[in-house]
Amino acid sequence: MFYAIDRYDDSFNLREDFKKYDFIISNRYVSASMIHQAGKIQDKKEREEFLDWLEELEYGIF
């Protein structure tokens, strides 16, 4: 959750940077968080539910 909030907070700075620069290099990938966190969940159904929740958080809410 903290990484998602951090990415959301930084997105405002990135929007301004996109106006000034031709390209931006970022190391804050949603997929990396998904893989890292989901790897800790043994139960397949629970893991899929978590990934659905995280995707909604990252792309739907934030």
N, C-alpha and C. Protein backbone atom coordinates (compact mmCIF):
# COMPACT_ATOMS: atom_id res chain seq x y z
N MET A 1 0.82 -1.19 0.00
CA MET A 1 0.00 0.00 0.00
C MET A 1 0.87 1.25 0.00
N PHE A 2 1.97 1.23 0.75
CA PHE A 2 2.83 2.41 0.81
C PHE A 2 3.46 2.72 -0.54
N TYR A 3 3.84 1.68 -1.27
CA TYR A 3 4.41 1.92 -2.60
C TYR A 3 3.37 2.52 -3.54
N ALA A 4 2.15 2.05 -3.44
CA ALA A 4 1.07 2.59 -4.27
C ALA A 4 0.83 4.06 -3.96
N ILE A 5 0.82 4.39 -2.69
CA ILE A 5 0.63 5.79 -2.29
C ILE A 5 1.80 6.64 -2.76
N ASP A 6 3.00 6.10 -2.65
CA ASP A 6 4.19 6.83 -3.10
C ASP A 6 4.13 7.08 -4.61
N ARG A 7 3.73 6.07 -5.38
CA ARG A 7 3.62 6.25 -6.83
C ARG A 7 2.55 7.29 -7.16
N TYR A 8 1.44 7.23 -6.45
CA TYR A 8 0.37 8.20 -6.67
C TYR A 8 0.86 9.62 -6.37
N ASP A 9 1.52 9.79 -5.25
CA ASP A 9 2.03 11.10 -4.87
C ASP A 9 3.02 11.63 -5.90
N ASP A 10 3.90 10.77 -6.37
CA ASP A 10 4.92 11.19 -7.34
C ASP A 10 4.32 11.45 -8.72
N SER A 11 3.15 10.92 -9.00
CA SER A 11 2.55 11.10 -10.33
C SER A 11 2.29 12.57 -10.65
N PHE A 12 2.06 13.39 -9.65
CA PHE A 12 1.84 14.81 -9.89
C PHE A 12 3.12 15.49 -10.38
N ASN A 13 4.25 15.10 -9.79
CA ASN A 13 5.54 15.62 -10.26
C ASN A 13 5.84 15.13 -11.67
N LEU A 14 5.54 13.87 -11.93
CA LEU A 14 5.80 13.32 -13.26
C LEU A 14 5.00 14.03 -14.34
N ARG A 15 3.77 14.39 -14.04
CA ARG A 15 2.96 15.10 -15.03
C ARG A 15 3.60 16.42 -15.41
N GLU A 16 4.18 17.10 -14.46
CA GLU A 16 4.89 18.35 -14.75
C GLU A 16 6.17 18.07 -15.53
N ASP A 17 6.88 17.02 -15.15
CA ASP A 17 8.11 16.66 -15.84
C ASP A 17 7.85 16.28 -17.30
N PHE A 18 6.73 15.62 -17.58
CA PHE A 18 6.40 15.24 -18.96
C PHE A 18 6.28 16.47 -19.86
N LYS A 19 5.91 17.59 -19.30
CA LYS A 19 5.79 18.83 -20.07
C LYS A 19 7.16 19.41 -20.41
N LYS A 20 8.18 19.09 -19.61
CA LYS A 20 9.50 19.69 -19.78
C LYS A 20 10.51 18.80 -20.50
N TYR A 21 10.36 17.48 -20.40
CA TYR A 21 11.38 16.57 -20.89
C TYR A 21 10.83 15.65 -21.97
N ASP A 22 11.75 15.16 -22.81
CA ASP A 22 11.37 14.24 -23.88
C ASP A 22 11.10 12.83 -23.35
N PHE A 23 11.80 12.42 -22.32
CA PHE A 23 11.57 11.10 -21.73
C PHE A 23 11.93 11.14 -20.25
N ILE A 24 11.38 10.17 -19.52
CA ILE A 24 11.60 10.06 -18.08
C ILE A 24 11.89 8.60 -17.77
N ILE A 25 12.89 8.36 -16.97
CA ILE A 25 13.23 7.00 -16.53
C ILE A 25 12.68 6.81 -15.12
N SER A 26 11.97 5.72 -14.93
CA SER A 26 11.34 5.46 -13.63
C SER A 26 11.67 4.06 -13.15
N ASN A 27 11.77 3.90 -11.85
CA ASN A 27 12.01 2.57 -11.29
C ASN A 27 10.88 2.13 -10.37
N ARG A 28 9.73 2.74 -10.51
CA ARG A 28 8.59 2.42 -9.63
C ARG A 28 7.52 1.71 -10.44
N TYR A 29 7.68 0.44 -10.59
CA TYR A 29 6.78 -0.34 -11.43
C TYR A 29 5.74 -1.07 -10.60
N VAL A 30 4.50 -0.98 -11.03
CA VAL A 30 3.41 -1.69 -10.35
C VAL A 30 3.64 -3.19 -10.41
N SER A 31 4.06 -3.67 -11.57
CA SER A 31 4.24 -5.11 -11.73
C SER A 31 5.28 -5.67 -10.76
N ALA A 32 6.31 -4.91 -10.44
CA ALA A 32 7.31 -5.38 -9.48
C ALA A 32 6.69 -5.55 -8.10
N SER A 33 5.84 -4.62 -7.70
CA SER A 33 5.15 -4.75 -6.41
C SER A 33 4.22 -5.96 -6.41
N MET A 34 3.52 -6.15 -7.52
CA MET A 34 2.58 -7.26 -7.61
C MET A 34 3.32 -8.60 -7.47
N ILE A 35 4.41 -8.74 -8.18
CA ILE A 35 5.17 -9.99 -8.14
C ILE A 35 5.75 -10.22 -6.75
N HIS A 36 6.35 -9.19 -6.19
CA HIS A 36 6.99 -9.32 -4.88
C HIS A 36 5.98 -9.68 -3.79
N GLN A 37 4.89 -8.96 -3.74
CA GLN A 37 3.91 -9.19 -2.68
C GLN A 37 3.13 -10.49 -2.89
N ALA A 38 2.75 -10.78 -4.14
CA ALA A 38 1.97 -11.99 -4.41
C ALA A 38 2.79 -13.25 -4.17
N GLY A 39 4.10 -13.15 -4.33
CA GLY A 39 4.96 -14.30 -4.09
C GLY A 39 4.94 -14.79 -2.66
N LYS A 40 4.48 -13.96 -1.76
CA LYS A 40 4.40 -14.33 -0.34
C LYS A 40 3.12 -15.09 -0.01
N ILE A 41 2.17 -15.12 -0.93
CA ILE A 41 0.86 -15.73 -0.67
C ILE A 41 0.84 -17.14 -1.27
N GLN A 42 0.69 -18.14 -0.44
CA GLN A 42 0.73 -19.53 -0.89
C GLN A 42 -0.55 -19.97 -1.60
N ASP A 43 -1.69 -19.57 -1.05
CA ASP A 43 -2.98 -20.00 -1.58
C ASP A 43 -3.28 -19.30 -2.91
N LYS A 44 -3.53 -20.09 -3.96
CA LYS A 44 -3.72 -19.53 -5.30
C LYS A 44 -4.92 -18.57 -5.37
N LYS A 45 -6.04 -18.96 -4.79
CA LYS A 45 -7.24 -18.11 -4.82
C LYS A 45 -6.99 -16.81 -4.08
N GLU A 46 -6.39 -16.90 -2.93
CA GLU A 46 -6.08 -15.71 -2.14
C GLU A 46 -5.10 -14.79 -2.89
N ARG A 47 -4.12 -15.41 -3.57
CA ARG A 47 -3.15 -14.64 -4.36
C ARG A 47 -3.84 -13.91 -5.51
N GLU A 48 -4.75 -14.59 -6.21
CA GLU A 48 -5.48 -13.96 -7.31
C GLU A 48 -6.36 -12.82 -6.81
N GLU A 49 -7.00 -13.01 -5.67
CA GLU A 49 -7.82 -11.94 -5.08
C GLU A 49 -6.96 -10.74 -4.70
N PHE A 50 -5.80 -11.01 -4.15
CA PHE A 50 -4.89 -9.92 -3.80
C PHE A 50 -4.45 -9.15 -5.04
N LEU A 51 -4.09 -9.87 -6.10
CA LEU A 51 -3.66 -9.20 -7.33
C LEU A 51 -4.78 -8.37 -7.94
N ASP A 52 -6.00 -8.88 -7.90
CA ASP A 52 -7.15 -8.10 -8.38
C ASP A 52 -7.32 -6.83 -7.55
N TRP A 53 -7.21 -6.97 -6.23
CA TRP A 53 -7.34 -5.81 -5.34
C TRP A 53 -6.25 -4.78 -5.62
N LEU A 54 -5.01 -5.26 -5.77
CA LEU A 54 -3.89 -4.35 -6.00
C LEU A 54 -4.01 -3.64 -7.34
N GLU A 55 -4.45 -4.36 -8.35
CA GLU A 55 -4.65 -3.74 -9.66
C GLU A 55 -5.72 -2.64 -9.59
N GLU A 56 -6.81 -2.91 -8.89
CA GLU A 56 -7.86 -1.90 -8.72
C GLU A 56 -7.33 -0.70 -7.94
N LEU A 57 -6.55 -0.95 -6.91
CA LEU A 57 -5.96 0.14 -6.12
C LEU A 57 -5.08 1.03 -6.99
N GLU A 58 -4.18 0.41 -7.73
CA GLU A 58 -3.20 1.16 -8.53
C GLU A 58 -3.83 1.89 -9.71
N TYR A 59 -4.71 1.20 -10.44
CA TYR A 59 -5.21 1.76 -11.70
C TYR A 59 -6.63 2.30 -11.60
N GLY A 60 -7.39 1.86 -10.60
CA GLY A 60 -8.77 2.32 -10.47
C GLY A 60 -8.91 3.45 -9.46
N ILE A 61 -8.32 3.26 -8.30
CA ILE A 61 -8.47 4.25 -7.23
C ILE A 61 -7.46 5.37 -7.37
N PHE A 62 -6.18 5.01 -7.53
CA PHE A 62 -5.14 6.04 -7.66
C PHE A 62 -4.99 6.43 -9.10
